[in-house]
Amino acid sequence: AKNVARRDGMGTVMLDAAVTLGRVPDHYVQAVGSGTGGIAAWEASM
């Protein structure tokens, strides 16, 4: 999770969604082990 390339790479899921939808979604759903993907989605959304 400390690796910014890892988090920002994961965050492209949110970026692709926003580009496709034209907006950030109301909700984001994911299964997590470390939770890094959730953090990445939050950072990308900001």
PDB file of all heavy atoms in Angstrom:
ATOM      1  N   ALA A   1       0.814  -1.216   0.000  1.00  0.00           N
ATOM      2  CA  ALA A   1       0.000   0.000   0.000  1.00  0.00           C
ATOM      3  C   ALA A   1       0.847   1.265   0.000  1.00  0.00           C
ATOM      4  O   ALA A   1       0.375   2.327  -0.411  1.00  0.00           O
ATOM      5  CB  ALA A   1      -0.919  -0.003   1.224  1.00  0.00           C
ATOM      6  N   LYS A   2       2.104   1.180   0.445  1.00  0.00           N
ATOM      7  CA  LYS A   2       2.974   2.358   0.483  1.00  0.00           C
ATOM      8  C   LYS A   2       3.453   2.766  -0.909  1.00  0.00           C
ATOM      9  O   LYS A   2       3.978   3.869  -1.086  1.00  0.00           O
ATOM     10  CB  LYS A   2       4.195   2.078   1.367  1.00  0.00           C
ATOM     11  CG  LYS A   2       3.859   1.837   2.831  1.00  0.00           C
ATOM     12  CD  LYS A   2       5.136   1.538   3.609  1.00  0.00           C
ATOM     13  CE  LYS A   2       4.841   1.288   5.075  1.00  0.00           C
ATOM     14  NZ  LYS A   2       6.088   1.004   5.835  1.00  0.00           N
ATOM     15  N   ASN A   3       3.304   1.891  -1.876  1.00  0.00           N
ATOM     16  CA  ASN A   3       3.797   2.115  -3.233  1.00  0.00           C
ATOM     17  C   ASN A   3       2.777   2.938  -4.019  1.00  0.00           C
ATOM     18  O   ASN A   3       1.697   2.456  -4.369  1.00  0.00           O
ATOM     19  CB  ASN A   3       4.050   0.760  -3.897  1.00  0.00           C
ATOM     20  CG  ASN A   3       4.447   0.858  -5.346  1.00  0.00           C
ATOM     21  OD1 ASN A   3       4.634   1.941  -5.897  1.00  0.00           O
ATOM     22  ND2 ASN A   3       4.575  -0.285  -5.990  1.00  0.00           N
ATOM     23  N   VAL A   4       3.115   4.200  -4.317  1.00  0.00           N
ATOM     24  CA  VAL A   4       2.155   5.071  -5.009  1.00  0.00           C
ATOM     25  C   VAL A   4       1.844   4.585  -6.416  1.00  0.00           C
ATOM     26  O   VAL A   4       0.735   4.811  -6.926  1.00  0.00           O
ATOM     27  CB  VAL A   4       2.649   6.538  -5.045  1.00  0.00           C
ATOM     28  CG1 VAL A   4       2.651   7.143  -3.651  1.00  0.00           C
ATOM     29  CG2 VAL A   4       4.027   6.659  -5.699  1.00  0.00           C
ATOM     30  N   ALA A   5       2.782   3.910  -7.061  1.00  0.00           N
ATOM     31  CA  ALA A   5       2.503   3.378  -8.399  1.00  0.00           C
ATOM     32  C   ALA A   5       1.460   2.279  -8.323  1.00  0.00           C
ATOM     33  O   ALA A   5       0.605   2.148  -9.213  1.00  0.00           O
ATOM     34  CB  ALA A   5       3.784   2.857  -9.047  1.00  0.00           C
ATOM     35  N   ARG A   6       1.515   1.496  -7.257  1.00  0.00           N
ATOM     36  CA  ARG A   6       0.521   0.447  -7.082  1.00  0.00           C
ATOM     37  C   ARG A   6      -0.866   1.056  -6.889  1.00  0.00           C
ATOM     38  O   ARG A   6      -1.837   0.657  -7.546  1.00  0.00           O
ATOM     39  CB  ARG A   6       0.899  -0.416  -5.874  1.00  0.00           C
ATOM     40  CG  ARG A   6      -0.037  -1.582  -5.642  1.00  0.00           C
ATOM     41  CD  ARG A   6       0.454  -2.463  -4.495  1.00  0.00           C
ATOM     42  NE  ARG A   6      -0.180  -3.771  -4.564  1.00  0.00           N
ATOM     43  CZ  ARG A   6       0.141  -4.797  -3.787  1.00  0.00           C
ATOM     44  NH1 ARG A   6       1.114  -4.672  -2.916  1.00  0.00           N
ATOM     45  NH2 ARG A   6      -0.474  -5.948  -3.904  1.00  0.00           N
ATOM     46  N   ARG A   7      -0.965   2.020  -5.989  1.00  0.00           N
ATOM     47  CA  ARG A   7      -2.280   2.614  -5.715  1.00  0.00           C
ATOM     48  C   ARG A   7      -2.814   3.361  -6.929  1.00  0.00           C
ATOM     49  O   ARG A   7      -3.998   3.244  -7.281  1.00  0.00           O
ATOM     50  CB  ARG A   7      -2.199   3.556  -4.504  1.00  0.00           C
ATOM     51  CG  ARG A   7      -1.792   2.865  -3.216  1.00  0.00           C
ATOM     52  CD  ARG A   7      -2.266   3.619  -1.984  1.00  0.00           C
ATOM     53  NE  ARG A   7      -1.995   5.037  -1.979  1.00  0.00           N
ATOM     54  CZ  ARG A   7      -0.877   5.604  -1.511  1.00  0.00           C
ATOM     55  NH1 ARG A   7       0.118   4.861  -1.037  1.00  0.00           N
ATOM     56  NH2 ARG A   7      -0.742   6.923  -1.514  1.00  0.00           N
ATOM     57  N   ASP A   8      -1.968   4.132  -7.591  1.00  0.00           N
ATOM     58  CA  ASP A   8      -2.455   4.907  -8.727  1.00  0.00           C
ATOM     59  C   ASP A   8      -2.780   4.011  -9.918  1.00  0.00           C
ATOM     60  O   ASP A   8      -3.659   4.334 -10.730  1.00  0.00           O
ATOM     61  CB  ASP A   8      -1.439   5.982  -9.104  1.00  0.00           C
ATOM     62  CG  ASP A   8      -1.312   7.054  -8.021  1.00  0.00           C
ATOM     63  OD1 ASP A   8      -2.041   6.968  -7.006  1.00  0.00           O
ATOM     64  OD2 ASP A   8      -0.482   7.963  -8.166  1.00  0.00           O
ATOM     65  N   GLY A   9      -2.086   2.876 -10.033  1.00  0.00           N
ATOM     66  CA  GLY A   9      -2.447   1.900 -11.058  1.00  0.00           C
ATOM     67  C   GLY A   9      -3.821   1.315 -10.800  1.00  0.00           C
ATOM     68  O   GLY A   9      -4.656   1.194 -11.714  1.00  0.00           O
ATOM     69  N   MET A  10      -4.089   0.948  -9.543  1.00  0.00           N
ATOM     70  CA  MET A  10      -5.428   0.476  -9.161  1.00  0.00           C
ATOM     71  C   MET A  10      -6.477   1.554  -9.397  1.00  0.00           C
ATOM     72  O   MET A  10      -7.614   1.266  -9.779  1.00  0.00           O
ATOM     73  CB  MET A  10      -5.446   0.119  -7.675  1.00  0.00           C
ATOM     74  CG  MET A  10      -4.781  -1.165  -7.282  1.00  0.00           C
ATOM     75  SD  MET A  10      -4.931  -1.297  -5.473  1.00  0.00           S
ATOM     76  CE  MET A  10      -4.547  -3.016  -5.249  1.00  0.00           C
ATOM     77  N   GLY A  11      -6.092   2.804  -9.152  1.00  0.00           N
ATOM     78  CA  GLY A  11      -7.036   3.909  -9.292  1.00  0.00           C
ATOM     79  C   GLY A  11      -7.526   4.129 -10.700  1.00  0.00           C
ATOM     80  O   GLY A  11      -8.533   4.830 -10.903  1.00  0.00           O
ATOM     81  N   THR A  12      -6.851   3.539 -11.681  1.00  0.00           N
ATOM     82  CA  THR A  12      -7.314   3.706 -13.068  1.00  0.00           C
ATOM     83  C   THR A  12      -8.677   3.068 -13.305  1.00  0.00           C
ATOM     84  O   THR A  12      -9.356   3.417 -14.272  1.00  0.00           O
ATOM     85  CB  THR A  12      -6.295   3.154 -14.081  1.00  0.00           C
ATOM     86  OG1 THR A  12      -6.114   1.746 -13.866  1.00  0.00           O
ATOM     87  CG2 THR A  12      -4.955   3.874 -13.963  1.00  0.00           C
ATOM     88  N   VAL A  13      -9.094   2.142 -12.422  1.00  0.00           N
ATOM     89  CA  VAL A  13     -10.452   1.601 -12.526  1.00  0.00           C
ATOM     90  C   VAL A  13     -11.463   2.729 -12.353  1.00  0.00           C
ATOM     91  O   VAL A  13     -12.434   2.842 -13.106  1.00  0.00           O
ATOM     92  CB  VAL A  13     -10.680   0.489 -11.479  1.00  0.00           C
ATOM     93  CG1 VAL A  13     -12.135   0.031 -11.484  1.00  0.00           C
ATOM     94  CG2 VAL A  13      -9.757  -0.702 -11.746  1.00  0.00           C
ATOM     95  N   MET A  14     -11.227   3.589 -11.365  1.00  0.00           N
ATOM     96  CA  MET A  14     -12.117   4.728 -11.144  1.00  0.00           C
ATOM     97  C   MET A  14     -11.985   5.747 -12.274  1.00  0.00           C
ATOM     98  O   MET A  14     -12.985   6.324 -12.722  1.00  0.00           O
ATOM     99  CB  MET A  14     -11.813   5.382  -9.801  1.00  0.00           C
ATOM    100  CG  MET A  14     -12.709   6.565  -9.461  1.00  0.00           C
ATOM    101  SD  MET A  14     -14.475   6.140  -9.299  1.00  0.00           S
ATOM    102  CE  MET A  14     -14.465   5.317  -7.689  1.00  0.00           C
ATOM    103  N   LEU A  15     -10.752   5.962 -12.747  1.00  0.00           N
ATOM    104  CA  LEU A  15     -10.558   6.919 -13.839  1.00  0.00           C
ATOM    105  C   LEU A  15     -11.305   6.459 -15.090  1.00  0.00           C
ATOM    106  O   LEU A  15     -11.973   7.261 -15.752  1.00  0.00           O
ATOM    107  CB  LEU A  15      -9.070   7.088 -14.152  1.00  0.00           C
ATOM    108  CG  LEU A  15      -8.155   7.560 -13.016  1.00  0.00           C
ATOM    109  CD1 LEU A  15      -6.742   7.785 -13.551  1.00  0.00           C
ATOM    110  CD2 LEU A  15      -8.693   8.815 -12.356  1.00  0.00           C
ATOM    111  N   ASP A  16     -11.186   5.184 -15.426  1.00  0.00           N
ATOM    112  CA  ASP A  16     -11.859   4.669 -16.615  1.00  0.00           C
ATOM    113  C   ASP A  16     -13.372   4.789 -16.475  1.00  0.00           C
ATOM    114  O   ASP A  16     -14.079   5.136 -17.432  1.00  0.00           O
ATOM    115  CB  ASP A  16     -11.460   3.209 -16.856  1.00  0.00           C
ATOM    116  CG  ASP A  16     -11.910   2.708 -18.209  1.00  0.00           C
ATOM    117  OD1 ASP A  16     -11.271   3.078 -19.215  1.00  0.00           O
ATOM    118  OD2 ASP A  16     -12.912   1.964 -18.273  1.00  0.00           O
ATOM    119  N   ALA A  17     -13.869   4.507 -15.272  1.00  0.00           N
ATOM    120  CA  ALA A  17     -15.311   4.619 -15.052  1.00  0.00           C
ATOM    121  C   ALA A  17     -15.783   6.062 -15.218  1.00  0.00           C
ATOM    122  O   ALA A  17     -16.798   6.320 -15.865  1.00  0.00           O
ATOM    123  CB  ALA A  17     -15.659   4.102 -13.657  1.00  0.00           C
ATOM    124  N   ALA A  18     -15.035   7.003 -14.641  1.00  0.00           N
ATOM    125  CA  ALA A  18     -15.439   8.404 -14.725  1.00  0.00           C
ATOM    126  C   ALA A  18     -15.428   8.906 -16.160  1.00  0.00           C
ATOM    127  O   ALA A  18     -16.325   9.648 -16.583  1.00  0.00           O
ATOM    128  CB  ALA A  18     -14.521   9.258 -13.856  1.00  0.00           C
ATOM    129  N   VAL A  19     -14.424   8.495 -16.924  1.00  0.00           N
ATOM    130  CA  VAL A  19     -14.350   8.895 -18.326  1.00  0.00           C
ATOM    131  C   VAL A  19     -15.528   8.291 -19.107  1.00  0.00           C
ATOM    132  O   VAL A  19     -16.136   8.939 -19.961  1.00  0.00           O
ATOM    133  CB  VAL A  19     -13.004   8.456 -18.935  1.00  0.00           C
ATOM    134  CG1 VAL A  19     -13.016   8.595 -20.449  1.00  0.00           C
ATOM    135  CG2 VAL A  19     -11.870   9.291 -18.340  1.00  0.00           C
ATOM    136  N   THR A  20     -15.869   7.060 -18.801  1.00  0.00           N
ATOM    137  CA  THR A  20     -16.961   6.375 -19.503  1.00  0.00           C
ATOM    138  C   THR A  20     -18.319   6.972 -19.134  1.00  0.00           C
ATOM    139  O   THR A  20     -19.174   7.198 -20.003  1.00  0.00           O
ATOM    140  CB  THR A  20     -16.948   4.877 -19.164  1.00  0.00           C
ATOM    141  OG1 THR A  20     -15.676   4.317 -19.505  1.00  0.00           O
ATOM    142  CG2 THR A  20     -18.040   4.131 -19.918  1.00  0.00           C
ATOM    143  N   LEU A  21     -18.520   7.240 -17.824  1.00  0.00           N
ATOM    144  CA  LEU A  21     -19.805   7.750 -17.354  1.00  0.00           C
ATOM    145  C   LEU A  21     -19.926   9.265 -17.521  1.00  0.00           C
ATOM    146  O   LEU A  21     -21.042   9.807 -17.537  1.00  0.00           O
ATOM    147  CB  LEU A  21     -19.996   7.424 -15.868  1.00  0.00           C
ATOM    148  CG  LEU A  21     -20.527   6.054 -15.469  1.00  0.00           C
ATOM    149  CD1 LEU A  21     -19.541   4.947 -15.795  1.00  0.00           C
ATOM    150  CD2 LEU A  21     -20.842   6.024 -13.977  1.00  0.00           C
ATOM    151  N   GLY A  22     -18.778   9.950 -17.588  1.00  0.00           N
ATOM    152  CA  GLY A  22     -18.782  11.395 -17.594  1.00  0.00           C
ATOM    153  C   GLY A  22     -18.876  11.997 -16.207  1.00  0.00           C
ATOM    154  O   GLY A  22     -19.024  13.212 -16.047  1.00  0.00           O
ATOM    155  N   ARG A  23     -18.747  11.160 -15.161  1.00  0.00           N
ATOM    156  CA  ARG A  23     -18.864  11.604 -13.764  1.00  0.00           C
ATOM    157  C   ARG A  23     -18.338  10.507 -12.849  1.00  0.00           C
ATOM    158  O   ARG A  23     -18.189   9.363 -13.278  1.00  0.00           O
ATOM    159  CB  ARG A  23     -20.322  11.883 -13.408  1.00  0.00           C
ATOM    160  CG  ARG A  23     -21.252  10.729 -13.707  1.00  0.00           C
ATOM    161  CD  ARG A  23     -22.594  10.827 -13.007  1.00  0.00           C
ATOM    162  NE  ARG A  23     -22.458  10.646 -11.566  1.00  0.00           N
ATOM    163  CZ  ARG A  23     -23.489  10.386 -10.752  1.00  0.00           C
ATOM    164  NH1 ARG A  23     -24.723  10.272 -11.240  1.00  0.00           N
ATOM    165  NH2 ARG A  23     -23.307  10.236  -9.461  1.00  0.00           N
ATOM    166  N   VAL A  24     -18.064  10.856 -11.611  1.00  0.00           N
ATOM    167  CA  VAL A  24     -17.752   9.816 -10.638  1.00  0.00           C
ATOM    168  C   VAL A  24     -19.064   9.168 -10.205  1.00  0.00           C
ATOM    169  O   VAL A  24     -20.106   9.837 -10.158  1.00  0.00           O
ATOM    170  CB  VAL A  24     -16.987  10.369  -9.411  1.00  0.00           C
ATOM    171  CG1 VAL A  24     -15.612  10.868  -9.802  1.00  0.00           C
ATOM    172  CG2 VAL A  24     -17.772  11.466  -8.713  1.00  0.00           C
ATOM    173  N   PRO A  25     -19.066   7.876  -9.916  1.00  0.00           N
ATOM    174  CA  PRO A  25     -20.303   7.209  -9.514  1.00  0.00           C
ATOM    175  C   PRO A  25     -20.716   7.612  -8.096  1.00  0.00           C
ATOM    176  O   PRO A  25     -19.938   8.198  -7.345  1.00  0.00           O
ATOM    177  CB  PRO A  25     -19.932   5.724  -9.587  1.00  0.00           C
ATOM    178  CG  PRO A  25     -18.453   5.701  -9.332  1.00  0.00           C
ATOM    179  CD  PRO A  25     -17.918   6.953  -9.965  1.00  0.00           C
ATOM    180  N   ASP A  26     -21.943   7.255  -7.737  1.00  0.00           N
ATOM    181  CA  ASP A  26     -22.418   7.490  -6.371  1.00  0.00           C
ATOM    182  C   ASP A  26     -21.805   6.495  -5.389  1.00  0.00           C
ATOM    183  O   ASP A  26     -21.588   6.828  -4.221  1.00  0.00           O
ATOM    184  CB  ASP A  26     -23.945   7.361  -6.300  1.00  0.00           C
ATOM    185  CG  ASP A  26     -24.661   8.372  -7.186  1.00  0.00           C
ATOM    186  OD1 ASP A  26     -24.213   9.541  -7.223  1.00  0.00           O
ATOM    187  OD2 ASP A  26     -25.641   7.984  -7.849  1.00  0.00           O
ATOM    188  N   HIS A  27     -21.561   5.275  -5.873  1.00  0.00           N
ATOM    189  CA  HIS A  27     -21.072   4.203  -5.006  1.00  0.00           C
ATOM    190  C   HIS A  27     -19.975   3.403  -5.713  1.00  0.00           C
ATOM    191  O   HIS A  27     -20.004   3.248  -6.944  1.00  0.00           O
ATOM    192  CB  HIS A  27     -22.205   3.237  -4.639  1.00  0.00           C
ATOM    193  CG  HIS A  27     -23.381   3.891  -3.974  1.00  0.00           C
ATOM    194  ND1 HIS A  27     -23.458   4.096  -2.614  1.00  0.00           N
ATOM    195  CD2 HIS A  27     -24.540   4.384  -4.496  1.00  0.00           C
ATOM    196  CE1 HIS A  27     -24.603   4.686  -2.328  1.00  0.00           C
ATOM    197  NE2 HIS A  27     -25.281   4.864  -3.451  1.00  0.00           N
ATOM    198  N   TYR A  28     -19.060   2.875  -4.908  1.00  0.00           N
ATOM    199  CA  TYR A  28     -17.970   2.029  -5.411  1.00  0.00           C
ATOM    200  C   TYR A  28     -17.925   0.785  -4.536  1.00  0.00           C
ATOM    201  O   TYR A  28     -17.852   0.892  -3.304  1.00  0.00           O
ATOM    202  CB  TYR A  28     -16.653   2.789  -5.335  1.00  0.00           C
ATOM    203  CG  TYR A  28     -15.412   1.966  -5.626  1.00  0.00           C
ATOM    204  CD1 TYR A  28     -14.934   1.823  -6.925  1.00  0.00           C
ATOM    205  CD2 TYR A  28     -14.704   1.347  -4.598  1.00  0.00           C
ATOM    206  CE1 TYR A  28     -13.791   1.081  -7.193  1.00  0.00           C
ATOM    207  CE2 TYR A  28     -13.559   0.607  -4.853  1.00  0.00           C
ATOM    208  CZ  TYR A  28     -13.108   0.478  -6.147  1.00  0.00           C
ATOM    209  OH  TYR A  28     -11.974  -0.256  -6.404  1.00  0.00           O
ATOM    210  N   VAL A  29     -17.954  -0.397  -5.163  1.00  0.00           N
ATOM    211  CA  VAL A  29     -18.017  -1.665  -4.425  1.00  0.00           C
ATOM    212  C   VAL A  29     -16.821  -2.532  -4.786  1.00  0.00           C
ATOM    213  O   VAL A  29     -16.548  -2.759  -5.978  1.00  0.00           O
ATOM    214  CB  VAL A  29     -19.325  -2.432  -4.745  1.00  0.00           C
ATOM    215  CG1 VAL A  29     -19.414  -3.709  -3.920  1.00  0.00           C
ATOM    216  CG2 VAL A  29     -20.542  -1.545  -4.513  1.00  0.00           C
ATOM    217  N   GLN A  30     -16.113  -3.039  -3.771  1.00  0.00           N
ATOM    218  CA  GLN A  30     -14.951  -3.903  -4.012  1.00  0.00           C
ATOM    219  C   GLN A  30     -14.712  -4.809  -2.817  1.00  0.00           C
ATOM    220  O   GLN A  30     -14.954  -4.422  -1.670  1.00  0.00           O
ATOM    221  CB  GLN A  30     -13.698  -3.058  -4.271  1.00  0.00           C
ATOM    222  CG  GLN A  30     -12.497  -3.891  -4.731  1.00  0.00           C
ATOM    223  CD  GLN A  30     -11.166  -3.158  -4.568  1.00  0.00           C
ATOM    224  OE1 GLN A  30     -11.080  -1.956  -4.773  1.00  0.00           O
ATOM    225  NE2 GLN A  30     -10.143  -3.894  -4.194  1.00  0.00           N
ATOM    226  N   ALA A  31     -14.219  -6.009  -3.064  1.00  0.00           N
ATOM    227  CA  ALA A  31     -13.718  -6.887  -2.004  1.00  0.00           C
ATOM    228  C   ALA A  31     -12.259  -6.544  -1.749  1.00  0.00           C
ATOM    229  O   ALA A  31     -11.517  -6.250  -2.689  1.00  0.00           O
ATOM    230  CB  ALA A  31     -13.851  -8.345  -2.413  1.00  0.00           C
ATOM    231  N   VAL A  32     -11.835  -6.574  -0.473  1.00  0.00           N
ATOM    232  CA  VAL A  32     -10.492  -6.114  -0.126  1.00  0.00           C
ATOM    233  C   VAL A  32      -9.799  -7.073   0.838  1.00  0.00           C
ATOM    234  O   VAL A  32     -10.432  -7.666   1.708  1.00  0.00           O
ATOM    235  CB  VAL A  32     -10.528  -4.700   0.493  1.00  0.00           C
ATOM    236  CG1 VAL A  32     -10.981  -3.670  -0.524  1.00  0.00           C
ATOM    237  CG2 VAL A  32     -11.409  -4.648   1.743  1.00  0.00           C
ATOM    238  N   GLY A  33      -8.472  -7.177   0.654  1.00  0.00           N
ATOM    239  CA  GLY A  33      -7.632  -7.888   1.610  1.00  0.00           C
ATOM    240  C   GLY A  33      -6.852  -6.890   2.430  1.00  0.00           C
ATOM    241  O   GLY A  33      -6.927  -6.852   3.654  1.00  0.00           O
ATOM    242  N   SER A  34      -6.102  -6.030   1.731  1.00  0.00           N
ATOM    243  CA  SER A  34      -5.393  -4.947   2.403  1.00  0.00           C
ATOM    244  C   SER A  34      -6.212  -3.666   2.426  1.00  0.00           C
ATOM    245  O   SER A  34      -5.992  -2.791   3.252  1.00  0.00           O
ATOM    246  CB  SER A  34      -4.060  -4.672   1.695  1.00  0.00           C
ATOM    247  OG  SER A  34      -4.287  -4.094   0.414  1.00  0.00           O
ATOM    248  N   GLY A  35      -7.139  -3.547   1.498  1.00  0.00           N
ATOM    249  CA  GLY A  35      -7.925  -2.316   1.368  1.00  0.00           C
ATOM    250  C   GLY A  35      -7.284  -1.293   0.460  1.00  0.00           C
ATOM    251  O   GLY A  35      -7.816  -0.190   0.268  1.00  0.00           O
ATOM    252  N   THR A  36      -6.148  -1.645  -0.140  1.00  0.00           N
ATOM    253  CA  THR A  36      -5.421  -0.697  -0.978  1.00  0.00           C
ATOM    254  C   THR A  36      -6.263  -0.239  -2.170  1.00  0.00           C
ATOM    255  O   THR A  36      -6.208   0.931  -2.574  1.00  0.00           O
ATOM    256  CB  THR A  36      -4.100  -1.312  -1.456  1.00  0.00           C
ATOM    257  OG1 THR A  36      -3.379  -1.799  -0.326  1.00  0.00           O
ATOM    258  CG2 THR A  36      -3.245  -0.291  -2.179  1.00  0.00           C
ATOM    259  N   GLY A  37      -7.055  -1.136  -2.730  1.00  0.00           N
ATOM    260  CA  GLY A  37      -7.905  -0.761  -3.853  1.00  0.00           C
ATOM    261  C   GLY A  37      -8.940   0.282  -3.478  1.00  0.00           C
ATOM    262  O   GLY A  37      -9.264   1.173  -4.266  1.00  0.00           O
ATOM    263  N   GLY A  38      -9.481   0.182  -2.264  1.00  0.00           N
ATOM    264  CA  GLY A  38     -10.428   1.187  -1.797  1.00  0.00           C
ATOM    265  C   GLY A  38      -9.765   2.539  -1.599  1.00  0.00           C
ATOM    266  O   GLY A  38     -10.327   3.582  -1.948  1.00  0.00           O
ATOM    267  N   ILE A  39      -8.559   2.525  -1.020  1.00  0.00           N
ATOM    268  CA  ILE A  39      -7.801   3.767  -0.858  1.00  0.00           C
ATOM    269  C   ILE A  39      -7.539   4.385  -2.232  1.00  0.00           C
ATOM    270  O   ILE A  39      -7.672   5.597  -2.427  1.00  0.00           O
ATOM    271  CB  ILE A  39      -6.473   3.492  -0.134  1.00  0.00           C
ATOM    272  CG1 ILE A  39      -6.713   2.913   1.262  1.00  0.00           C
ATOM    273  CG2 ILE A  39      -5.633   4.771  -0.038  1.00  0.00           C
ATOM    274  CD1 ILE A  39      -5.464   2.338   1.914  1.00  0.00           C
ATOM    275  N   ALA A  40      -7.142   3.552  -3.182  1.00  0.00           N
ATOM    276  CA  ALA A  40      -6.839   4.027  -4.537  1.00  0.00           C
ATOM    277  C   ALA A  40      -8.060   4.660  -5.187  1.00  0.00           C
ATOM    278  O   ALA A  40      -7.957   5.701  -5.860  1.00  0.00           O
ATOM    279  CB  ALA A  40      -6.321   2.876  -5.391  1.00  0.00           C
ATOM    280  N   ALA A  41      -9.227   4.054  -5.004  1.00  0.00           N
ATOM    281  CA  ALA A  41     -10.454   4.613  -5.572  1.00  0.00           C
ATOM    282  C   ALA A  41     -10.761   5.981  -4.965  1.00  0.00           C
ATOM    283  O   ALA A  41     -11.193   6.917  -5.676  1.00  0.00           O
ATOM    284  CB  ALA A  41     -11.621   3.658  -5.341  1.00  0.00           C
ATOM    285  N   TRP A  42     -10.554   6.114  -3.665  1.00  0.00           N
ATOM    286  CA  TRP A  42     -10.760   7.393  -2.976  1.00  0.00           C
ATOM    287  C   TRP A  42      -9.801   8.467  -3.502  1.00  0.00           C
ATOM    288  O   TRP A  42     -10.222   9.573  -3.849  1.00  0.00           O
ATOM    289  CB  TRP A  42     -10.574   7.162  -1.480  1.00  0.00           C
ATOM    290  CG  TRP A  42     -10.563   8.374  -0.609  1.00  0.00           C
ATOM    291  CD1 TRP A  42     -11.410   9.454  -0.665  1.00  0.00           C
ATOM    292  CD2 TRP A  42      -9.658   8.639   0.473  1.00  0.00           C
ATOM    293  NE1 TRP A  42     -11.089  10.358   0.321  1.00  0.00           N
ATOM    294  CE2 TRP A  42     -10.025   9.883   1.038  1.00  0.00           C
ATOM    295  CE3 TRP A  42      -8.595   7.928   1.031  1.00  0.00           C
ATOM    296  CZ2 TRP A  42      -9.345  10.437   2.124  1.00  0.00           C
ATOM    297  CZ3 TRP A  42      -7.924   8.473   2.120  1.00  0.00           C
ATOM    298  CH2 TRP A  42      -8.292   9.712   2.654  1.00  0.00           C
ATOM    299  N   GLU A  43      -8.522   8.117  -3.595  1.00  0.00           N
ATOM    300  CA  GLU A  43      -7.533   9.084  -4.073  1.00  0.00           C
ATOM    301  C   GLU A  43      -7.815   9.507  -5.511  1.00  0.00           C
ATOM    302  O   GLU A  43      -7.721  10.697  -5.856  1.00  0.00           O
ATOM    303  CB  GLU A  43      -6.132   8.495  -3.949  1.00  0.00           C
ATOM    304  CG  GLU A  43      -5.667   8.311  -2.512  1.00  0.00           C
ATOM    305  CD  GLU A  43      -4.317   7.633  -2.397  1.00  0.00           C
ATOM    306  OE1 GLU A  43      -3.943   6.854  -3.311  1.00  0.00           O
ATOM    307  OE2 GLU A  43      -3.622   7.868  -1.387  1.00  0.00           O
ATOM    308  N   ALA A  44      -8.160   8.533  -6.361  1.00  0.00           N
ATOM    309  CA  ALA A  44      -8.474   8.858  -7.755  1.00  0.00           C
ATOM    310  C   ALA A  44      -9.700   9.764  -7.835  1.00  0.00           C
ATOM    311  O   ALA A  44      -9.752  10.694  -8.655  1.00  0.00           O
ATOM    312  CB  ALA A  44      -8.704   7.576  -8.554  1.00  0.00           C
ATOM    313  N   SER A  45     -10.681   9.504  -6.982  1.00  0.00           N
ATOM    314  CA  SER A  45     -11.900  10.325  -6.984  1.00  0.00           C
ATOM    315  C   SER A  45     -11.605  11.765  -6.583  1.00  0.00           C
ATOM    316  O   SER A  45     -12.180  12.712  -7.140  1.00  0.00           O
ATOM    317  CB  SER A  45     -12.936   9.718  -6.042  1.00  0.00           C
ATOM    318  OG  SER A  45     -13.324   8.422  -6.476  1.00  0.00           O
ATOM    319  N   MET A  46     -10.708  11.944  -5.608  1.00  0.00           N
ATOM    320  CA  MET A  46     -10.342  13.310  -5.210  1.00  0.00           C
ATOM    321  C   MET A  46      -9.683  14.053  -6.371  1.00  0.00           C
ATOM    322  O   MET A  46      -9.946  15.240  -6.590  1.00  0.00           O
ATOM    323  CB  MET A  46      -9.416  13.262  -3.997  1.00  0.00           C
ATOM    324  CG  MET A  46     -10.128  12.882  -2.707  1.00  0.00           C
ATOM    325  SD  MET A  46      -9.126  13.145  -1.222  1.00  0.00           S
ATOM    326  CE  MET A  46      -7.971  11.761  -1.309  1.00  0.00           C
TER     327      MET A  46
END
